[in-house]
Protein backbone atom coordinates (compact mmCIF):
# COMPACT_ATOMS: atom_id res chain seq x y z
CA MET A 1 0.08 -0.04 0.01
CA LYS A 2 2.65 2.65 0.81
CA LYS A 3 4.39 1.68 -2.52
CA ILE A 4 1.45 2.67 -4.30
CA LEU A 5 0.72 5.82 -2.44
CA ALA A 6 4.68 6.98 -2.84
CA SER A 7 4.00 6.00 -6.90
CA ALA A 8 0.54 8.31 -6.71
CA VAL A 9 2.61 11.04 -5.09
CA LEU A 10 5.51 10.95 -7.63
CA CYS A 11 3.08 10.64 -10.30
CA LEU A 12 1.43 13.87 -8.98
CA LEU A 13 4.48 15.57 -8.35
CA PHE A 14 5.68 14.78 -12.14
CA CYS A 15 2.33 16.21 -13.28
CA SER A 16 2.67 19.08 -11.46
CA TRP A 17 6.22 19.88 -12.85
CA ALA A 18 5.06 19.01 -16.60
CA PHE A 19 1.87 20.91 -16.78
CA GLY A 20 3.35 24.04 -14.54
CA VAL A 21 1.39 26.55 -12.36
CA SER A 22 -1.90 25.54 -14.56
CA ALA A 23 -2.55 22.53 -12.53
CA PHE A 24 -2.87 24.48 -9.30
CA VAL A 25 -5.00 27.51 -10.42
CA PRO A 26 -8.78 27.28 -10.12
CA TYR A 27 -9.75 28.96 -13.27
CA ASP A 28 -9.39 28.84 -17.05
CA THR A 29 -7.54 31.19 -19.00
CA TYR A 30 -8.98 32.26 -22.60
CA THR A 31 -9.17 34.74 -25.30
CA TYR A 32 -11.25 35.39 -28.29
CA SER A 33 -11.43 34.28 -31.81
CA THR A 34 -13.46 35.75 -34.66
CA ARG A 35 -11.78 33.40 -37.26
CA THR A 36 -14.85 31.48 -38.20
CA GLY A 37 -17.16 34.76 -38.58
CA SER A 38 -18.63 34.46 -35.04
CA VAL A 39 -16.97 35.00 -31.73
CA GLU A 40 -15.45 31.98 -30.12
CA ALA A 41 -13.70 31.47 -26.58
CA LEU A 42 -10.62 29.75 -26.77
CA TYR A 43 -8.65 28.24 -23.83
CA SER A 44 -5.05 29.33 -23.59
CA PRO A 45 -1.87 28.46 -21.62
CA THR A 46 -2.33 30.13 -17.97
CA ALA A 47 -1.33 33.70 -17.77
CA TYR A 48 -1.06 34.80 -14.37
CA TYR A 49 -1.24 32.47 -11.13
CA PRO A 50 -2.01 33.49 -7.75
CA ASP A 51 1.36 33.86 -6.10
CA PHE A 52 0.31 34.76 -2.35
CA VAL A 53 -2.64 36.26 -0.39
CA ILE A 54 -2.27 39.57 1.94
CA ASP A 55 -4.47 38.80 5.14
CA LYS A 56 -3.74 38.23 8.86
CA SER A 57 -1.39 35.65 8.40
CA LEU A 58 0.92 38.02 6.51
CA ILE A 59 0.48 41.11 7.97
CA GLY A 60 -0.80 40.39 11.59
CA ILE A 61 -4.07 42.10 11.56
CA PRO A 62 -7.30 40.86 9.77
CA LEU A 63 -8.94 42.53 6.91
CA VAL A 64 -12.68 43.06 7.32
CA THR A 65 -13.61 44.69 4.03
CA PRO A 66 -10.78 45.90 1.74
CA THR A 67 -12.22 48.28 -0.72
CA CYS A 68 -9.63 50.22 -2.43
CA ILE A 69 -5.99 49.60 -3.16
CA CYS A 70 -2.93 52.48 -4.25
CA PHE A 71 0.80 52.43 -4.14
CA ASP A 72 3.13 55.49 -3.78
CA LYS A 73 6.37 55.73 -5.67
CA GLU A 74 8.36 54.17 -2.99
CA GLY A 75 6.35 50.81 -3.29
CA ASN A 76 4.18 51.14 -0.30
CA MET A 77 0.70 49.60 -0.07
CA TYR A 78 -2.24 51.54 1.02
CA ILE A 79 -5.76 49.78 1.57
CA THR A 80 -8.76 51.41 2.80
CA ASP A 81 -10.68 48.93 5.07
CA ASN A 82 -14.35 50.10 4.92
CA SER A 83 -16.21 48.48 7.54
CA ALA A 84 -13.41 48.70 9.91
CA ASN A 85 -12.94 52.29 9.50
CA ARG A 86 -9.38 52.48 8.96
CA LEU A 87 -6.14 52.99 6.79
CA ILE A 88 -3.85 49.98 6.27
CA VAL A 89 -0.14 50.68 5.17
CA LEU A 90 2.08 48.10 3.99
CA ASN A 91 5.94 48.33 3.41
CA PRO A 92 7.46 46.97 -0.11
CA ASP A 93 7.80 43.55 1.51
CA PHE A 94 4.17 43.65 2.21
CA SER A 95 4.90 43.74 6.11
CA LEU A 96 2.62 45.85 8.32
CA LYS A 97 3.92 49.41 8.63
CA ALA A 98 0.60 51.34 10.03
CA ASN A 99 -2.67 50.63 11.02
CA LEU A 100 -4.46 53.77 11.35
CA ASP A 101 -7.97 54.57 12.88
CA THR A 102 -7.49 57.96 14.43
CA PHE A 103 -5.69 60.91 12.90
CA GLU A 104 -4.05 63.70 14.54
CA THR A 105 -5.05 67.36 13.34
CA GLU A 106 -2.76 70.51 13.39
CA ASP A 107 -4.42 71.78 16.69
CA GLY A 108 -3.62 68.48 18.46
CA MET A 109 -7.23 66.93 18.48
CA PHE A 110 -7.64 63.64 17.14
CA GLU A 111 -10.38 62.37 14.51
CA PHE A 112 -11.95 59.16 13.60
CA LEU A 113 -12.85 57.59 10.08
CA GLY A 114 -16.29 56.69 8.91
CA GLY A 115 -16.69 53.97 6.12
CA PRO A 116 -13.39 55.16 4.21
CA GLU A 117 -13.23 54.37 0.44
CA GLY A 118 -10.96 55.85 -2.02
CA VAL A 119 -7.20 56.45 -1.38
CA PHE A 120 -4.45 58.23 -3.45
CA VAL A 121 -0.84 59.37 -2.99
CA THR A 122 0.83 61.88 -5.01
CA ASP A 123 4.38 62.26 -5.97
CA ASP A 124 5.22 64.13 -3.01
CA MET A 125 3.41 61.97 -0.79
CA GLU A 126 0.74 63.17 0.53
CA ILE A 127 -2.26 60.79 1.33
CA TYR A 128 -5.66 61.76 -0.08
CA LEU A 129 -8.11 59.72 1.67
CA CYS A 130 -12.07 59.64 1.33
CA ASP A 131 -13.70 59.51 4.26
CA THR A 132 -16.97 58.65 2.60
CA LYS A 133 -19.51 58.31 5.42
CA GLN A 134 -18.29 61.63 7.00
CA LYS A 135 -18.77 63.29 3.77
CA ARG A 136 -15.03 64.83 3.43
CA ILE A 137 -11.69 64.19 1.93
CA LEU A 138 -8.80 64.23 4.29
CA VAL A 139 -5.26 64.93 3.37
CA LEU A 140 -2.27 63.37 5.24
CA ASP A 141 1.46 64.04 5.32
CA GLN A 142 4.08 61.19 5.82
CA LYS A 143 3.66 60.85 9.46
CA TYR A 144 -0.48 60.47 8.68
CA ASN A 145 -1.41 63.53 10.57
CA ILE A 146 -4.27 65.81 8.86
CA ILE A 147 -3.07 68.43 7.11
CA ARG A 148 -6.28 69.61 5.12
CA LYS A 149 -9.92 68.65 4.95
CA TYR A 150 -12.18 69.18 2.19
CA GLU A 151 -15.97 69.06 3.22
CA ASN A 152 -19.31 70.27 2.02
CA ILE A 153 -18.42 70.76 -1.30
CA LYS A 154 -21.11 71.31 -3.78
CA PRO A 155 -21.40 71.65 -7.51
CA VAL A 156 -22.77 74.66 -9.50
CA GLY A 157 -26.55 75.09 -9.16
CA VAL A 158 -27.12 73.01 -5.43
CA GLU A 159 -25.10 75.50 -3.28
CA ASN A 160 -28.48 76.06 -1.50
CA ASP A 161 -29.68 72.63 -1.26
CA GLU A 162 -29.24 71.43 1.95
CA ASP A 163 -30.30 67.87 1.25
CA TYR A 164 -27.27 67.50 -1.42
CA SER A 165 -24.45 65.15 0.12
CA PHE A 166 -20.84 64.99 -0.58
CA MET A 167 -19.90 61.63 -0.08
CA PRO A 168 -16.54 60.81 -1.88
CA THR A 169 -15.97 57.28 -2.92
CA ARG A 170 -12.93 57.49 -5.44
CA ILE A 171 -10.30 59.90 -5.97
CA VAL A 172 -6.96 60.78 -8.19
CA VAL A 173 -5.04 64.02 -8.06
CA ASP A 174 -3.01 65.68 -10.95
CA SER A 175 0.35 67.20 -10.57
CA SER A 176 -1.40 70.73 -10.11
CA LYS A 177 -3.19 69.36 -6.79
CA ASN A 178 -6.69 69.14 -8.86
CA MET A 179 -9.07 66.36 -7.54
CA TYR A 180 -10.92 64.09 -9.44
CA VAL A 181 -13.88 62.37 -7.34
CA LEU A 182 -16.35 60.01 -7.81
CA VAL A 183 -19.13 61.00 -5.44
CA GLN A 184 -22.07 58.81 -4.31
CA ASN A 185 -25.24 59.17 -5.89
CA GLU A 186 -23.77 61.73 -8.36
CA TYR A 187 -24.51 61.10 -12.06
CA GLN A 188 -23.01 64.20 -13.90
CA GLY A 189 -19.73 62.66 -14.17
CA ILE A 190 -16.45 63.19 -12.24
CA MET A 191 -16.37 66.13 -9.88
CA GLN A 192 -13.22 67.93 -10.48
CA ILE A 193 -12.25 70.28 -7.52
CA ASP A 194 -9.20 72.46 -7.21
CA GLN A 195 -6.60 72.51 -4.23
CA ASN A 196 -8.67 74.90 -2.31
CA GLY A 197 -11.54 72.86 -2.32
CA LYS A 198 -13.65 74.75 -5.12
CA PHE A 199 -15.72 72.89 -7.32
CA ILE A 200 -14.57 73.23 -11.03
CA SER A 201 -16.77 70.98 -13.15
CA PHE A 202 -17.75 67.91 -14.27
CA LEU A 203 -15.76 65.74 -16.24
CA GLY A 204 -16.70 62.93 -18.68
CA SER A 205 -20.24 62.38 -18.13
CA ASN A 206 -21.89 59.13 -18.86
CA LYS A 207 -24.49 59.17 -21.64
CA VAL A 208 -28.03 58.32 -20.50
CA THR A 209 -28.89 54.77 -21.49
CA TYR A 210 -32.53 53.51 -22.01
CA ASP A 211 -33.80 49.88 -22.82
CA PRO A 212 -34.63 48.88 -26.34
CA ILE A 213 -38.70 49.50 -25.63
CA THR A 214 -37.93 52.98 -24.32
CA LYS A 215 -35.65 53.45 -27.52
CA LEU A 216 -38.56 52.55 -29.65
CA TRP A 217 -41.01 54.90 -27.90
CA LYS A 218 -38.75 57.69 -27.85
CA LYS A 219 -38.77 57.72 -31.69
CA ILE A 220 -42.62 58.39 -31.94
CA MET A 221 -42.97 60.64 -28.78
CA THR A 222 -43.74 64.46 -28.52
CA LYS A 223 -41.83 66.70 -27.16
CA GLU A 224 -43.57 66.99 -24.22
CA GLN A 225 -43.29 63.25 -23.70
CA LYS A 226 -39.35 63.47 -24.38
CA LYS A 227 -38.82 66.12 -21.80
CA GLN A 228 -40.16 63.53 -19.09
CA LEU A 229 -37.29 61.19 -19.83
CA ILE A 230 -35.22 63.48 -17.68
CA GLN A 231 -35.89 61.42 -15.09
CA PHE A 232 -33.51 58.63 -16.65
CA LEU A 233 -30.36 59.25 -15.12
CA PRO A 234 -26.87 58.74 -16.54
CA VAL A 235 -24.73 55.67 -15.72
CA GLU A 236 -22.60 56.13 -12.55
CA TYR A 237 -18.90 55.39 -12.67
CA THR A 238 -17.62 52.91 -9.96
CA ASN A 239 -14.05 53.28 -9.94
CA LEU A 240 -11.37 55.54 -11.34
CA THR A 241 -7.57 55.50 -11.42
CA MET A 242 -5.00 57.65 -13.05
CA ASP A 243 -1.93 56.39 -15.43
CA HIS A 244 1.67 57.79 -15.58
CA GLU A 245 0.76 60.05 -18.43
CA GLY A 246 -2.06 61.71 -16.64
CA PHE A 247 -5.06 60.40 -18.52
CA ILE A 248 -8.01 59.03 -16.07
CA TYR A 249 -9.22 55.41 -16.69
CA THR A 250 -12.99 54.97 -15.45
CA ALA A 251 -14.99 51.72 -14.99
CA SER A 252 -18.81 51.65 -15.21
CA LYS A 253 -20.75 49.00 -13.96
CA ALA A 254 -24.01 49.06 -16.35
CA ASP A 255 -22.58 51.05 -19.40
CA ASN A 256 -22.55 48.08 -21.45
CA SER A 257 -21.64 50.10 -24.60
CA SER A 258 -17.98 51.44 -23.07
CA PRO A 259 -17.65 50.30 -19.31
CA ILE A 260 -13.96 51.12 -19.67
CA LYS A 261 -12.64 54.72 -20.69
CA ARG A 262 -9.53 56.64 -20.95
CA LEU A 263 -10.25 60.35 -20.61
CA ASN A 264 -8.11 63.32 -21.29
CA LEU A 265 -8.39 66.07 -19.02
CA ALA A 266 -11.14 67.90 -21.49
CA GLY A 267 -13.40 64.75 -20.47
CA LYS A 268 -12.77 63.00 -24.00
CA ASP A 269 -12.78 59.43 -24.08
CA VAL A 270 -9.38 58.54 -25.82
CA LEU A 271 -9.12 54.69 -25.57
CA ILE A 272 -7.81 53.07 -28.29
CA ARG A 273 -10.32 50.03 -29.59
CA ASN A 274 -9.26 48.23 -32.33
CA GLY A 275 -9.32 44.63 -31.03
CA TYR A 276 -11.38 41.55 -32.49
CA VAL A 277 -14.05 42.10 -29.80
CA ASP A 278 -15.28 45.25 -27.84
CA MET A 279 -13.55 46.23 -24.41
CA VAL A 280 -16.47 45.25 -22.20
CA GLY A 281 -15.06 42.03 -20.55
CA ASP A 282 -17.04 38.84 -21.40
CA VAL A 283 -18.71 39.00 -24.85
CA LYS A 284 -21.35 36.66 -26.12
CA THR A 285 -19.83 33.62 -28.26
CA SER A 286 -21.54 31.31 -30.83
CA LYS A 287 -22.17 28.71 -27.83
CA THR A 288 -23.34 31.08 -25.14
CA THR A 289 -27.13 30.28 -24.26
CA GLU A 290 -27.34 32.54 -21.30
CA LYS A 291 -27.00 36.46 -21.10
CA VAL A 292 -23.46 37.55 -20.82
CA GLU A 293 -22.75 40.80 -18.68
CA SER A 294 -19.39 41.55 -17.09
CA LEU A 295 -19.91 44.40 -14.10
CA ILE A 296 -16.65 46.20 -14.33
CA ALA A 297 -15.79 47.16 -10.84
CA GLY A 298 -12.28 48.16 -11.40
CA VAL A 299 -9.62 49.26 -13.97
CA ASP A 300 -5.81 49.92 -14.05
CA SER A 301 -3.06 50.23 -16.55
CA ASP A 302 0.67 50.02 -16.69
CA GLU A 303 3.80 51.76 -17.79
CA ASN A 304 3.31 49.98 -21.24
CA GLY A 305 -0.42 50.96 -21.73
CA GLN A 306 -1.85 47.59 -20.74
CA VAL A 307 -5.23 47.95 -19.02
CA TYR A 308 -6.62 45.31 -16.63
CA ALA A 309 -10.09 45.37 -15.93
CA LEU A 310 -11.66 43.56 -13.23
CA ASP A 311 -15.43 41.80 -13.57
CA SER A 312 -16.84 41.85 -10.31
CA ASN A 313 -20.08 39.53 -12.06
CA GLY A 314 -17.59 36.53 -12.93
CA GLY A 315 -14.87 37.47 -10.65
CA ARG A 316 -12.48 37.60 -13.99
CA ILE A 317 -9.69 39.83 -14.93
CA PHE A 318 -9.28 40.84 -18.44
CA VAL A 319 -5.80 42.10 -19.81
CA TYR A 320 -5.94 44.27 -23.09
CA ASN A 321 -2.97 45.94 -24.68
CA SER A 322 -2.81 49.60 -25.73
CA GLU A 323 -4.61 48.98 -28.82
CA GLY A 324 -7.45 47.25 -27.07
CA PHE A 325 -6.57 43.59 -27.99
CA LEU A 326 -7.66 40.99 -25.58
CA LEU A 327 -4.49 39.31 -24.35
CA TYR A 328 -6.09 37.20 -21.81
CA ALA A 329 -8.89 36.52 -19.40
CA PHE A 330 -8.80 34.25 -16.22
CA GLY A 331 -10.40 34.24 -12.88
CA SER A 332 -13.85 32.87 -11.49
CA ILE A 333 -16.18 33.08 -8.55
CA GLY A 334 -15.34 30.93 -5.35
CA ASN A 335 -13.68 30.80 -2.07
CA GLN A 336 -10.43 29.28 -3.60
CA ILE A 337 -7.14 31.18 -3.62
CA GLY A 338 -7.56 33.04 -6.75
CA SER A 339 -11.12 33.22 -6.96
CA PHE A 340 -13.22 36.07 -5.62
CA ILE A 341 -16.83 36.97 -4.10
CA THR A 342 -17.11 40.53 -4.30
CA PRO A 343 -14.09 41.95 -5.65
CA SER A 344 -13.84 45.77 -5.40
CA ASP A 345 -10.57 47.25 -6.92
CA ILE A 346 -7.34 46.10 -8.90
CA LYS A 347 -4.04 47.50 -9.18
CA VAL A 348 -1.06 46.75 -11.02
CA ASN A 349 2.70 47.22 -9.40
CA ASN A 350 5.80 45.70 -10.52
CA GLY A 351 4.16 43.10 -12.85
CA LEU A 352 1.98 42.10 -9.95
CA ILE A 353 -1.65 42.20 -10.16
CA PHE A 354 -3.49 42.85 -6.66
CA VAL A 355 -7.21 42.30 -6.60
CA ALA A 356 -9.02 43.63 -3.17
CA ASP A 357 -12.04 41.06 -2.62
CA GLN A 358 -14.79 42.18 0.31
CA GLY A 359 -16.05 38.74 0.21
CA THR A 360 -13.09 36.85 1.24
CA ALA A 361 -11.59 39.58 3.04
CA ARG A 362 -8.20 39.41 1.44
CA ILE A 363 -6.06 40.55 -1.46
CA THR A 364 -4.72 38.23 -4.12
CA VAL A 365 -1.57 38.72 -5.53
CA PHE A 366 -1.27 37.28 -8.94
CA ARG A 367 2.10 36.60 -11.19
CA ARG A 368 2.74 36.22 -14.52
CA THR A 369 3.81 33.05 -15.86
CA GLU A 370 6.52 32.25 -18.44
CA TYR A 371 3.47 32.25 -21.34
CA ALA A 372 2.41 36.00 -19.81
CA ASP A 373 5.85 37.06 -19.78
CA LEU A 374 6.73 36.23 -23.47
CA VAL A 375 3.39 37.85 -24.44
CA THR A 376 4.28 41.05 -22.21
CA LYS A 377 7.65 41.36 -23.71
CA ALA A 378 6.69 40.69 -27.57
CA ASN A 379 3.75 43.24 -27.01
CA ASP A 380 6.37 45.72 -25.16
CA LEU A 381 8.99 45.59 -27.65
CA TYR A 382 6.86 45.87 -30.76
CA TYR A 383 5.36 49.28 -29.51
CA LYS A 384 8.93 50.33 -28.60
CA GLY A 385 9.84 49.77 -32.40
CA GLN A 386 12.07 46.64 -31.97
CA TYR A 387 10.21 44.92 -34.66
CA GLU A 388 12.68 42.11 -35.40
CA GLU A 389 13.34 41.09 -31.53
CA SER A 390 9.36 41.29 -31.22
CA VAL A 391 8.69 38.87 -34.06
CA ASN A 392 10.96 36.33 -32.47
CA LEU A 393 9.00 36.44 -29.47
CA TRP A 394 5.79 36.53 -31.07
CA LYS A 395 6.82 33.15 -32.63
CA GLN A 396 7.76 31.73 -29.45
CA VAL A 397 4.19 32.76 -28.01
CA ILE A 398 2.56 30.76 -31.14
CA GLU A 399 4.62 27.57 -30.18
CA ARG A 400 2.91 27.91 -26.97
CA ASN A 401 -0.47 28.76 -28.12
CA ALA A 402 -1.20 28.24 -31.95
CA ASN A 403 -4.70 29.94 -31.49
CA PHE A 404 -3.60 33.30 -30.44
CA GLU A 405 -4.50 35.77 -33.31
CA LEU A 406 -3.06 38.66 -32.19
CA ALA A 407 0.49 37.05 -32.31
CA TYR A 408 0.25 36.12 -36.17
CA ALA A 409 -1.34 39.67 -36.51
CA GLN A 410 1.77 41.42 -34.65
CA ILE A 411 3.98 39.52 -37.00
CA GLY A 412 1.96 40.58 -39.99
CA LYS A 413 2.31 44.20 -39.20
CA VAL A 414 6.02 43.66 -38.80
CA TYR A 415 6.37 42.24 -42.11
CA LEU A 416 4.35 44.83 -43.77
CA ARG A 417 6.58 47.47 -42.45
CA GLU A 418 9.64 45.78 -44.25
CA ASN A 419 7.56 45.51 -47.45
CA ARG A 420 7.25 41.87 -47.02
CA TYR A 421 3.79 41.70 -48.26
CA LYS A 422 3.28 37.98 -49.36
CA GLU A 423 4.53 37.08 -45.76
CA ALA A 424 2.21 39.56 -44.12
CA MET A 425 -0.59 38.24 -46.03
CA GLU A 426 -0.02 34.83 -44.78
CA TYR A 427 0.21 36.00 -41.33
CA PHE A 428 -2.80 38.38 -41.42
CA LYS A 429 -4.89 35.63 -42.41
CA LEU A 430 -3.85 33.34 -39.58
CA GLY A 431 -4.65 36.15 -37.49
CA ASN A 432 -7.85 37.01 -39.20
CA PHE A 433 -6.96 40.49 -39.15
CA ARG A 434 -8.12 42.85 -42.27
CA GLY A 435 -6.95 46.28 -41.02
CA ASP A 436 -7.19 48.93 -38.53
CA LYS A 437 -10.89 50.10 -38.00
CA ILE A 438 -10.17 53.82 -38.05
CA THR A 439 -7.19 54.34 -40.81
CA ASN A 440 -6.98 51.00 -42.66
CA THR A 441 -3.02 51.65 -42.94
CA THR A 442 -2.57 47.89 -42.06
CA GLY A 443 -3.87 44.46 -42.15
CA TYR A 444 -4.24 41.93 -44.82
CA ASN A 445 -6.39 44.49 -47.22
CA LYS A 446 -3.16 46.61 -47.12
CA ALA A 447 -0.62 43.91 -47.90
CA PHE A 448 -2.85 42.57 -50.68
CA ILE A 449 -3.18 46.01 -52.40
CA GLU A 450 0.88 46.46 -51.86
CA TYR A 451 1.61 42.83 -53.07
CA ARG A 452 -0.90 43.35 -55.92
CA ARG A 453 0.80 46.76 -56.82
CA ILE A 454 4.28 45.14 -57.03
CA GLN A 455 3.30 41.95 -59.05
CA ALA A 456 1.61 44.27 -61.49
CA SER A 457 4.78 46.51 -61.68
CA LYS A 458 6.84 43.42 -62.36
CA LEU A 459 4.46 42.35 -65.02
CA LEU A 460 4.11 45.61 -66.56
CA GLY A 461 7.53 46.01 -68.20
CA PRO A 462 7.46 42.54 -70.16
CA PHE A 463 3.86 43.02 -71.10
CA VAL A 464 4.85 46.75 -72.78
CA ILE A 465 7.54 44.88 -74.40
CA VAL A 466 5.15 41.84 -75.87
CA ILE A 467 2.83 44.86 -76.89
CA VAL A 468 5.36 46.90 -78.60
CA VAL A 469 7.00 43.74 -80.43
CA LEU A 470 3.55 42.78 -81.70
CA TYR A 471 2.80 46.36 -82.86
CA ILE A 472 6.22 46.35 -84.70
CA GLY A 473 5.65 42.95 -85.94
CA TYR A 474 1.80 43.76 -87.08
CA SER A 475 2.96 47.26 -88.63
CA PHE A 476 5.94 45.46 -90.51
CA TYR A 477 3.31 42.45 -91.66
CA LYS A 478 0.73 45.26 -92.93
CA SER A 479 3.62 47.25 -94.82
CA ARG A 480 5.02 44.17 -96.60
CA ARG A 481 1.63 43.14 -97.37
CA LYS A 482 0.91 46.49 -98.76
CA ARG A 483 4.32 46.49 -100.86
CA THR A 484 3.43 42.84 -102.20
CA GLY A 485 -0.36 44.16 -103.36
CA LYS A 486 1.40 47.23 -104.94
CA ALA A 487 3.82 44.59 -106.86
CA ALA A 488 1.32 42.57 -107.71
CA ASN A 489 -0.98 45.20 -109.32
CA LEU A 490 2.08 46.23 -111.68
CA GLN A 491 2.50 42.67 -112.76
CA ARG A 492 -1.08 43.08 -114.16
């Protein structure tokens, strides 16, 4: 019996070594394909695996409802624990640095938190904290003392409205110390506030969404009836973050048309969406029988422009490149390490993905596999202009995942740049990439046009020579026949 058990253990260890970390993850990794003309989900190698979790066993104190995560420039991690009314700070090695539930003011008084949600740290290490239930924003110094408070902020038009409640839930701050704040039950967009606490404007208001029946009725309504539709409220933002270029990424749970946006400071959405499928999380496939709807609860980006979206409905993470192509999707709902119950926020730092989950009261940290490393490096090299190096890595990606259409398309783009049109056409066809939706300057169609032009130019010279020879021959024949005819007439 012992020999059988030993053999089973050895077999299990061998399988774990042979198949890698994918044997330990409680979810599948997949991408979407449109090669057949309809959308299909295709399994791919595991991209990320749960490396460790941040909970009591690691930091010494229990998390209750971790709500928001952020990092400062030194790598310290900040976590708002909503139900516990506290701010937790971890060192770069994830050991506990501070457990804060009271803060000292400049006049020596102490104040408590009330349901804090959002937190953000500026480059000069000022900590902006959304003290949501107490309807204020606190600004802390590096010793966690309160240096400023912003309270009772009201937008233009409701200055005298006593029922208006300023309940900030998320915040980011630009280099000029202007604050961009999501406010609970505020549907006009992101509230922009200057460093003096003065309301500036709303940014990036979401469009009003109607159900299909309402849209149909709207076409036949009178002006008076249409005015009554004002009661329909725009979709409320659920989360936001700021990338290294100062653009604001936003997430909306209910806005299926564009739940992920990248806003400039004028409020215009500049997110590039050139992928095979829309950047909405899960999409309906040819085999889907039930309604598919991701609820995007969080979004972040890294220094390479990759976008990470958190789906609280399916417990999944979607990773897109800077052009909107889905690199991989993974995750699930559950209690296992690597699964979520009520995920609330996502952040990326030093290549690691951090997901706060209120349902399991922990933060799960995901690390890239060798496969995801290859994809990330190939993608990064391509956008840095190191095309030959990127081709070598994309080919290694294809060896591991022959169904990854983006890898073929990226190689096709490189060959197109190098005027290797026939090879570009082959790879674009394998990658099912017809061309850029906006410019049409790349893709199979472009490669085909250029290849046809070159082939035509190659044939044009011989064709012209043949035409000239035939013309000369015909002219000589016609001239000789004419002379022969004249000679015959003279003999008569």
